[in-house]
Amino acid sequence: MPEKEKVLKIKEFSDDIVRKVLHDEYSPDAHSLKNVVELLSRSVYDLSEMYLNDQCNHEETLKGTLAKMKIACNTVDQNRIKTP
């Protein structure tokens, strides 16, 4: 997947997480919330490092960030109250 597509997918995951967290059906437990915050913080750190460090491997950084965002999004999904 090209870099631009990875960045667009990261943006989509970010938007999805915001929408789900702000929804009334989101009810995380402390462990899940800690996990999501850690993943998102590491993602921001990695993207900042990629922007600031010319020696950084963009492809690997984006690949790792995309994985972290997907895990965070899945964790948020698991903490939604199921409605009948």
PDB file of N, CA and C in Angstrom:
ATOM      1  N   MET A   1       0.848  -1.170   0.000  1.00  0.00           N
ATOM      2  CA  MET A   1       0.000   0.000   0.000  1.00  0.00           C
ATOM      3  C   MET A   1       0.899   1.240   0.000  1.00  0.00           C
ATOM      4  N   PRO A   2       0.666   2.177  -0.906  1.00  0.00           N
ATOM      5  CA  PRO A   2       1.472   3.403  -0.956  1.00  0.00           C
ATOM      6  C   PRO A   2       1.333   4.241   0.323  1.00  0.00           C
ATOM      7  N   GLU A   3       2.353   5.077   0.569  1.00  0.00           N
ATOM      8  CA  GLU A   3       2.378   5.909   1.775  1.00  0.00           C
ATOM      9  C   GLU A   3       1.110   6.737   1.938  1.00  0.00           C
ATOM     10  N   LYS A   4       0.682   7.379   0.866  1.00  0.00           N
ATOM     11  CA  LYS A   4      -0.486   8.258   0.965  1.00  0.00           C
ATOM     12  C   LYS A   4      -1.729   7.471   1.384  1.00  0.00           C
ATOM     13  N   GLU A   5      -1.881   6.269   0.864  1.00  0.00           N
ATOM     14  CA  GLU A   5      -3.025   5.430   1.249  1.00  0.00           C
ATOM     15  C   GLU A   5      -2.950   5.053   2.726  1.00  0.00           C
ATOM     16  N   LYS A   6      -1.743   4.756   3.216  1.00  0.00           N
ATOM     17  CA  LYS A   6      -1.569   4.426   4.632  1.00  0.00           C
ATOM     18  C   LYS A   6      -1.956   5.613   5.502  1.00  0.00           C
ATOM     19  N   VAL A   7      -1.514   6.797   5.112  1.00  0.00           N
ATOM     20  CA  VAL A   7      -1.834   7.999   5.885  1.00  0.00           C
ATOM     21  C   VAL A   7      -3.342   8.257   5.871  1.00  0.00           C
ATOM     22  N   LEU A   8      -3.971   8.075   4.729  1.00  0.00           N
ATOM     23  CA  LEU A   8      -5.426   8.255   4.653  1.00  0.00           C
ATOM     24  C   LEU A   8      -6.151   7.234   5.529  1.00  0.00           C
ATOM     25  N   LYS A   9      -5.658   6.014   5.577  1.00  0.00           N
ATOM     26  CA  LYS A   9      -6.271   4.981   6.419  1.00  0.00           C
ATOM     27  C   LYS A   9      -6.087   5.321   7.897  1.00  0.00           C
ATOM     28  N   ILE A  10      -4.916   5.830   8.266  1.00  0.00           N
ATOM     29  CA  ILE A  10      -4.670   6.268   9.643  1.00  0.00           C
ATOM     30  C   ILE A  10      -5.655   7.373  10.008  1.00  0.00           C
ATOM     31  N   LYS A  11      -5.865   8.295   9.096  1.00  0.00           N
ATOM     32  CA  LYS A  11      -6.814   9.389   9.327  1.00  0.00           C
ATOM     33  C   LYS A  11      -8.230   8.838   9.508  1.00  0.00           C
ATOM     34  N   GLU A  12      -8.613   7.863   8.692  1.00  0.00           N
ATOM     35  CA  GLU A  12      -9.941   7.246   8.814  1.00  0.00           C
ATOM     36  C   GLU A  12     -10.112   6.571  10.178  1.00  0.00           C
ATOM     37  N   PHE A  13      -9.094   5.825  10.609  1.00  0.00           N
ATOM     38  CA  PHE A  13      -9.161   5.183  11.926  1.00  0.00           C
ATOM     39  C   PHE A  13      -9.306   6.237  13.022  1.00  0.00           C
ATOM     40  N   SER A  14      -8.554   7.314  12.903  1.00  0.00           N
ATOM     41  CA  SER A  14      -8.623   8.384  13.891  1.00  0.00           C
ATOM     42  C   SER A  14     -10.027   8.972  13.973  1.00  0.00           C
ATOM     43  N   ASP A  15     -10.602   9.258  12.826  1.00  0.00           N
ATOM     44  CA  ASP A  15     -11.961   9.807  12.782  1.00  0.00           C
ATOM     45  C   ASP A  15     -12.962   8.810  13.357  1.00  0.00           C
ATOM     46  N   ASP A  16     -12.792   7.550  13.026  1.00  0.00           N
ATOM     47  CA  ASP A  16     -13.683   6.497  13.516  1.00  0.00           C
ATOM     48  C   ASP A  16     -13.617   6.399  15.041  1.00  0.00           C
ATOM     49  N   ILE A  17     -12.420   6.447  15.591  1.00  0.00           N
ATOM     50  CA  ILE A  17     -12.246   6.377  17.044  1.00  0.00           C
ATOM     51  C   ILE A  17     -12.927   7.561  17.716  1.00  0.00           C
ATOM     52  N   VAL A  18     -12.735   8.753  17.194  1.00  0.00           N
ATOM     53  CA  VAL A  18     -13.368   9.943  17.779  1.00  0.00           C
ATOM     54  C   VAL A  18     -14.886   9.794  17.777  1.00  0.00           C
ATOM     55  N   ARG A  19     -15.450   9.377  16.656  1.00  0.00           N
ATOM     56  CA  ARG A  19     -16.911   9.215  16.574  1.00  0.00           C
ATOM     57  C   ARG A  19     -17.417   8.185  17.578  1.00  0.00           C
ATOM     58  N   LYS A  20     -16.723   7.073  17.703  1.00  0.00           N
ATOM     59  CA  LYS A  20     -17.162   6.010  18.605  1.00  0.00           C
ATOM     60  C   LYS A  20     -17.014   6.403  20.073  1.00  0.00           C
ATOM     61  N   VAL A  21     -15.934   7.078  20.408  1.00  0.00           N
ATOM     62  CA  VAL A  21     -15.705   7.475  21.796  1.00  0.00           C
ATOM     63  C   VAL A  21     -16.711   8.539  22.236  1.00  0.00           C
ATOM     64  N   LEU A  22     -17.082   9.429  21.343  1.00  0.00           N
ATOM     65  CA  LEU A  22     -18.032  10.478  21.695  1.00  0.00           C
ATOM     66  C   LEU A  22     -19.476   9.986  21.704  1.00  0.00           C
ATOM     67  N   HIS A  23     -19.704   8.791  21.215  1.00  0.00           N
ATOM     68  CA  HIS A  23     -21.051   8.220  21.177  1.00  0.00           C
ATOM     69  C   HIS A  23     -21.433   7.726  22.571  1.00  0.00           C
ATOM     70  N   ASP A  24     -22.700   7.826  22.911  1.00  0.00           N
ATOM     71  CA  ASP A  24     -23.179   7.430  24.239  1.00  0.00           C
ATOM     72  C   ASP A  24     -22.983   5.954  24.550  1.00  0.00           C
ATOM     73  N   GLU A  25     -22.843   5.124  23.548  1.00  0.00           N
ATOM     74  CA  GLU A  25     -22.723   3.686  23.769  1.00  0.00           C
ATOM     75  C   GLU A  25     -21.297   3.240  24.096  1.00  0.00           C
ATOM     76  N   TYR A  26     -20.371   4.168  24.232  1.00  0.00           N
ATOM     77  CA  TYR A  26     -18.989   3.810  24.544  1.00  0.00           C
ATOM     78  C   TYR A  26     -18.816   3.772  26.057  1.00  0.00           C
ATOM     79  N   SER A  27     -18.426   2.622  26.572  1.00  0.00           N
ATOM     80  CA  SER A  27     -18.257   2.450  28.016  1.00  0.00           C
ATOM     81  C   SER A  27     -17.021   1.590  28.280  1.00  0.00           C
ATOM     82  N   PRO A  28     -15.842   2.208  28.298  1.00  0.00           N
ATOM     83  CA  PRO A  28     -14.615   1.420  28.429  1.00  0.00           C
ATOM     84  C   PRO A  28     -14.322   1.028  29.874  1.00  0.00           C
ATOM     85  N   ASP A  29     -13.627  -0.084  30.033  1.00  0.00           N
ATOM     86  CA  ASP A  29     -13.074  -0.402  31.344  1.00  0.00           C
ATOM     87  C   ASP A  29     -11.703   0.277  31.418  1.00  0.00           C
ATOM     88  N   ALA A  30     -11.170   0.378  32.616  1.00  0.00           N
ATOM     89  CA  ALA A  30      -9.915   1.118  32.822  1.00  0.00           C
ATOM     90  C   ALA A  30      -8.761   0.539  32.003  1.00  0.00           C
ATOM     91  N   HIS A  31      -8.658  -0.770  31.939  1.00  0.00           N
ATOM     92  CA  HIS A  31      -7.555  -1.404  31.203  1.00  0.00           C
ATOM     93  C   HIS A  31      -7.638  -1.091  29.705  1.00  0.00           C
ATOM     94  N   SER A  32      -8.837  -1.190  29.140  1.00  0.00           N
ATOM     95  CA  SER A  32      -9.013  -0.910  27.709  1.00  0.00           C
ATOM     96  C   SER A  32      -8.712   0.546  27.391  1.00  0.00           C
ATOM     97  N   LEU A  33      -9.181   1.433  28.255  1.00  0.00           N
ATOM     98  CA  LEU A  33      -8.933   2.858  28.039  1.00  0.00           C
ATOM     99  C   LEU A  33      -7.435   3.152  28.084  1.00  0.00           C
ATOM    100  N   LYS A  34      -6.739   2.549  29.047  1.00  0.00           N
ATOM    101  CA  LYS A  34      -5.287   2.728  29.148  1.00  0.00           C
ATOM    102  C   LYS A  34      -4.600   2.216  27.884  1.00  0.00           C
ATOM    103  N   ASN A  35      -5.043   1.069  27.390  1.00  0.00           N
ATOM    104  CA  ASN A  35      -4.462   0.475  26.188  1.00  0.00           C
ATOM    105  C   ASN A  35      -4.659   1.388  24.976  1.00  0.00           C
ATOM    106  N   VAL A  36      -5.869   1.909  24.811  1.00  0.00           N
ATOM    107  CA  VAL A  36      -6.160   2.791  23.674  1.00  0.00           C
ATOM    108  C   VAL A  36      -5.327   4.068  23.755  1.00  0.00           C
ATOM    109  N   VAL A  37      -5.245   4.659  24.943  1.00  0.00           N
ATOM    110  CA  VAL A  37      -4.458   5.890  25.103  1.00  0.00           C
ATOM    111  C   VAL A  37      -2.989   5.627  24.793  1.00  0.00           C
ATOM    112  N   GLU A  38      -2.465   4.493  25.246  1.00  0.00           N
ATOM    113  CA  GLU A  38      -1.068   4.159  24.953  1.00  0.00           C
ATOM    114  C   GLU A  38      -0.842   4.000  23.451  1.00  0.00           C
ATOM    115  N   LEU A  39      -1.723   3.279  22.784  1.00  0.00           N
ATOM    116  CA  LEU A  39      -1.579   3.072  21.340  1.00  0.00           C
ATOM    117  C   LEU A  39      -1.646   4.387  20.572  1.00  0.00           C
ATOM    118  N   LEU A  40      -2.589   5.241  20.946  1.00  0.00           N
ATOM    119  CA  LEU A  40      -2.717   6.528  20.256  1.00  0.00           C
ATOM    120  C   LEU A  40      -1.514   7.425  20.536  1.00  0.00           C
ATOM    121  N   SER A  41      -1.016   7.409  21.773  1.00  0.00           N
ATOM    122  CA  SER A  41       0.166   8.212  22.111  1.00  0.00           C
ATOM    123  C   SER A  41       1.396   7.741  21.344  1.00  0.00           C
ATOM    124  N   ARG A  42       1.558   6.439  21.247  1.00  0.00           N
ATOM    125  CA  ARG A  42       2.692   5.897  20.487  1.00  0.00           C
ATOM    126  C   ARG A  42       2.563   6.225  18.998  1.00  0.00           C
ATOM    127  N   SER A  43       1.345   6.242  18.509  1.00  0.00           N
ATOM    128  CA  SER A  43       1.116   6.602  17.103  1.00  0.00           C
ATOM    129  C   SER A  43       1.504   8.051  16.841  1.00  0.00           C
ATOM    130  N   VAL A  44       1.100   8.941  17.738  1.00  0.00           N
ATOM    131  CA  VAL A  44       1.461  10.357  17.590  1.00  0.00           C
ATOM    132  C   VAL A  44       2.976  10.515  17.668  1.00  0.00           C
ATOM    133  N   TYR A  45       3.609   9.812  18.605  1.00  0.00           N
ATOM    134  CA  TYR A  45       5.061   9.876  18.738  1.00  0.00           C
ATOM    135  C   TYR A  45       5.746   9.419  17.451  1.00  0.00           C
ATOM    136  N   ASP A  46       5.307   8.283  16.926  1.00  0.00           N
ATOM    137  CA  ASP A  46       5.916   7.744  15.703  1.00  0.00           C
ATOM    138  C   ASP A  46       5.753   8.692  14.520  1.00  0.00           C
ATOM    139  N   LEU A  47       4.569   9.267  14.374  1.00  0.00           N
ATOM    140  CA  LEU A  47       4.346  10.214  13.271  1.00  0.00           C
ATOM    141  C   LEU A  47       5.187  11.479  13.453  1.00  0.00           C
ATOM    142  N   SER A  48       5.338  11.925  14.701  1.00  0.00           N
ATOM    143  CA  SER A  48       6.188  13.091  14.977  1.00  0.00           C
ATOM    144  C   SER A  48       7.637  12.786  14.643  1.00  0.00           C
ATOM    145  N   GLU A  49       8.078  11.604  15.029  1.00  0.00           N
ATOM    146  CA  GLU A  49       9.451  11.183  14.737  1.00  0.00           C
ATOM    147  C   GLU A  49       9.675  11.103  13.228  1.00  0.00           C
ATOM    148  N   MET A  50       8.699  10.590  12.521  1.00  0.00           N
ATOM    149  CA  MET A  50       8.802  10.487  11.066  1.00  0.00           C
ATOM    150  C   MET A  50       8.921  11.878  10.436  1.00  0.00           C
ATOM    151  N   TYR A  51       8.167  12.819  10.957  1.00  0.00           N
ATOM    152  CA  TYR A  51       8.180  14.181  10.426  1.00  0.00           C
ATOM    153  C   TYR A  51       9.504  14.884  10.732  1.00  0.00           C
ATOM    154  N   LEU A  52      10.041  14.656  11.923  1.00  0.00           N
ATOM    155  CA  LEU A  52      11.235  15.378  12.366  1.00  0.00           C
ATOM    156  C   LEU A  52      12.550  14.720  11.953  1.00  0.00           C
ATOM    157  N   ASN A  53      12.547  13.420  11.708  1.00  0.00           N
ATOM    158  CA  ASN A  53      13.777  12.682  11.454  1.00  0.00           C
ATOM    159  C   ASN A  53      13.823  12.206  10.002  1.00  0.00           C
ATOM    160  N   ASP A  54      14.711  12.797   9.232  1.00  0.00           N
ATOM    161  CA  ASP A  54      14.842  12.424   7.821  1.00  0.00           C
ATOM    162  C   ASP A  54      15.357  10.995   7.634  1.00  0.00           C
ATOM    163  N   GLN A  55      16.037  10.464   8.638  1.00  0.00           N
ATOM    164  CA  GLN A  55      16.607   9.122   8.546  1.00  0.00           C
ATOM    165  C   GLN A  55      15.575   8.029   8.838  1.00  0.00           C
ATOM    166  N   CYS A  56      14.414   8.433   9.288  1.00  0.00           N
ATOM    167  CA  CYS A  56      13.356   7.494   9.665  1.00  0.00           C
ATOM    168  C   CYS A  56      12.826   6.757   8.431  1.00  0.00           C
ATOM    169  N   ASN A  57      12.567   5.474   8.573  1.00  0.00           N
ATOM    170  CA  ASN A  57      11.998   4.672   7.495  1.00  0.00           C
ATOM    171  C   ASN A  57      10.487   4.916   7.468  1.00  0.00           C
ATOM    172  N   HIS A  58      10.044   5.741   6.541  1.00  0.00           N
ATOM    173  CA  HIS A  58       8.637   6.133   6.474  1.00  0.00           C
ATOM    174  C   HIS A  58       7.713   4.939   6.284  1.00  0.00           C
ATOM    175  N   GLU A  59       8.094   4.032   5.429  1.00  0.00           N
ATOM    176  CA  GLU A  59       7.233   2.882   5.137  1.00  0.00           C
ATOM    177  C   GLU A  59       6.991   2.039   6.390  1.00  0.00           C
ATOM    178  N   GLU A  60       8.059   1.737   7.120  1.00  0.00           N
ATOM    179  CA  GLU A  60       7.925   0.929   8.339  1.00  0.00           C
ATOM    180  C   GLU A  60       7.179   1.687   9.432  1.00  0.00           C
ATOM    181  N   THR A  61       7.459   2.983   9.558  1.00  0.00           N
ATOM    182  CA  THR A  61       6.773   3.791  10.570  1.00  0.00           C
ATOM    183  C   THR A  61       5.278   3.840  10.297  1.00  0.00           C
ATOM    184  N   LEU A  62       4.903   4.068   9.048  1.00  0.00           N
ATOM    185  CA  LEU A  62       3.481   4.115   8.700  1.00  0.00           C
ATOM    186  C   LEU A  62       2.825   2.754   8.879  1.00  0.00           C
ATOM    187  N   LYS A  63       3.543   1.702   8.550  1.00  0.00           N
ATOM    188  CA  LYS A  63       3.012   0.348   8.715  1.00  0.00           C
ATOM    189  C   LYS A  63       2.724   0.071  10.197  1.00  0.00           C
ATOM    190  N   GLY A  64       3.665   0.430  11.058  1.00  0.00           N
ATOM    191  CA  GLY A  64       3.483   0.240  12.501  1.00  0.00           C
ATOM    192  C   GLY A  64       2.380   1.112  13.066  1.00  0.00           C
ATOM    193  N   THR A  65       2.328   2.355  12.613  1.00  0.00           N
ATOM    194  CA  THR A  65       1.293   3.279  13.077  1.00  0.00           C
ATOM    195  C   THR A  65      -0.083   2.799  12.647  1.00  0.00           C
ATOM    196  N   LEU A  66      -0.188   2.328  11.437  1.00  0.00           N
ATOM    197  CA  LEU A  66      -1.458   1.811  10.932  1.00  0.00           C
ATOM    198  C   LEU A  66      -1.922   0.617  11.773  1.00  0.00           C
ATOM    199  N   ALA A  67      -1.004  -0.254  12.129  1.00  0.00           N
ATOM    200  CA  ALA A  67      -1.348  -1.408  12.971  1.00  0.00           C
ATOM    201  C   ALA A  67      -1.834  -0.954  14.345  1.00  0.00           C
ATOM    202  N   LYS A  68      -1.144   0.014  14.938  1.00  0.00           N
ATOM    203  CA  LYS A  68      -1.552   0.530  16.249  1.00  0.00           C
ATOM    204  C   LYS A  68      -2.931   1.164  16.191  1.00  0.00           C
ATOM    205  N   MET A  69      -3.189   1.907  15.137  1.00  0.00           N
ATOM    206  CA  MET A  69      -4.494   2.559  14.993  1.00  0.00           C
ATOM    207  C   MET A  69      -5.604   1.524  14.817  1.00  0.00           C
ATOM    208  N   LYS A  70      -5.327   0.476  14.080  1.00  0.00           N
ATOM    209  CA  LYS A  70      -6.331  -0.575  13.875  1.00  0.00           C
ATOM    210  C   LYS A  70      -6.631  -1.287  15.192  1.00  0.00           C
ATOM    211  N   ILE A  71      -5.601  -1.579  15.967  1.00  0.00           N
ATOM    212  CA  ILE A  71      -5.795  -2.216  17.271  1.00  0.00           C
ATOM    213  C   ILE A  71      -6.597  -1.302  18.193  1.00  0.00           C
ATOM    214  N   ALA A  72      -6.260  -0.010  18.207  1.00  0.00           N
ATOM    215  CA  ALA A  72      -6.992   0.948  19.046  1.00  0.00           C
ATOM    216  C   ALA A  72      -8.457   1.009  18.632  1.00  0.00           C
ATOM    217  N   CYS A  73      -8.715   1.040  17.349  1.00  0.00           N
ATOM    218  CA  CYS A  73     -10.085   1.094  16.832  1.00  0.00           C
ATOM    219  C   CYS A  73     -10.854  -0.173  17.225  1.00  0.00           C
ATOM    220  N   ASN A  74     -10.219  -1.319  17.108  1.00  0.00           N
ATOM    221  CA  ASN A  74     -10.862  -2.577  17.502  1.00  0.00           C
ATOM    222  C   ASN A  74     -11.143  -2.614  19.002  1.00  0.00           C
ATOM    223  N   THR A  75     -10.227  -2.082  19.802  1.00  0.00           N
ATOM    224  CA  THR A  75     -10.425  -2.036  21.251  1.00  0.00           C
ATOM    225  C   THR A  75     -11.607  -1.145  21.603  1.00  0.00           C
ATOM    226  N   VAL A  76     -11.714  -0.010  20.929  1.00  0.00           N
ATOM    227  CA  VAL A  76     -12.860   0.879  21.152  1.00  0.00           C
ATOM    228  C   VAL A  76     -14.147   0.152  20.777  1.00  0.00           C
ATOM    229  N   ASP A  77     -14.142  -0.560  19.671  1.00  0.00           N
ATOM    230  CA  ASP A  77     -15.324  -1.325  19.243  1.00  0.00           C
ATOM    231  C   ASP A  77     -15.760  -2.333  20.303  1.00  0.00           C
ATOM    232  N   GLN A  78     -14.794  -2.969  20.939  1.00  0.00           N
ATOM    233  CA  GLN A  78     -15.108  -3.987  21.941  1.00  0.00           C
ATOM    234  C   GLN A  78     -15.725  -3.389  23.201  1.00  0.00           C
ATOM    235  N   ASN A  79     -15.583  -2.088  23.393  1.00  0.00           N
ATOM    236  CA  ASN A  79     -16.094  -1.438  24.596  1.00  0.00           C
ATOM    237  C   ASN A  79     -17.372  -0.650  24.349  1.00  0.00           C
ATOM    238  N   ARG A  80     -18.039  -0.974  23.289  1.00  0.00           N
ATOM    239  CA  ARG A  80     -19.332  -0.345  23.015  1.00  0.00           C
ATOM    240  C   ARG A  80     -20.426  -1.203  23.632  1.00  0.00           C
ATOM    241  N   ILE A  81     -21.401  -0.547  24.227  1.00  0.00           N
ATOM    242  CA  ILE A  81     -22.534  -1.255  24.811  1.00  0.00           C
ATOM    243  C   ILE A  81     -23.373  -1.813  23.676  1.00  0.00           C
ATOM    244  N   LYS A  82     -23.605  -3.094  23.724  1.00  0.00           N
ATOM    245  CA  LYS A  82     -24.400  -3.738  22.676  1.00  0.00           C
ATOM    246  C   LYS A  82     -25.878  -3.441  22.905  1.00  0.00           C
ATOM    247  N   THR A  83     -26.544  -2.940  21.879  1.00  0.00           N
ATOM    248  CA  THR A  83     -27.979  -2.670  21.982  1.00  0.00           C
ATOM    249  C   THR A  83     -28.747  -3.753  21.235  1.00  0.00           C
ATOM    250  N   PRO A  84     -29.857  -4.209  21.808  1.00  0.00           N
ATOM    251  CA  PRO A  84     -30.628  -5.280  21.161  1.00  0.00           C
ATOM    252  C   PRO A  84     -31.305  -4.841  19.890  1.00  0.00           C
TER     253      PRO A  84
END
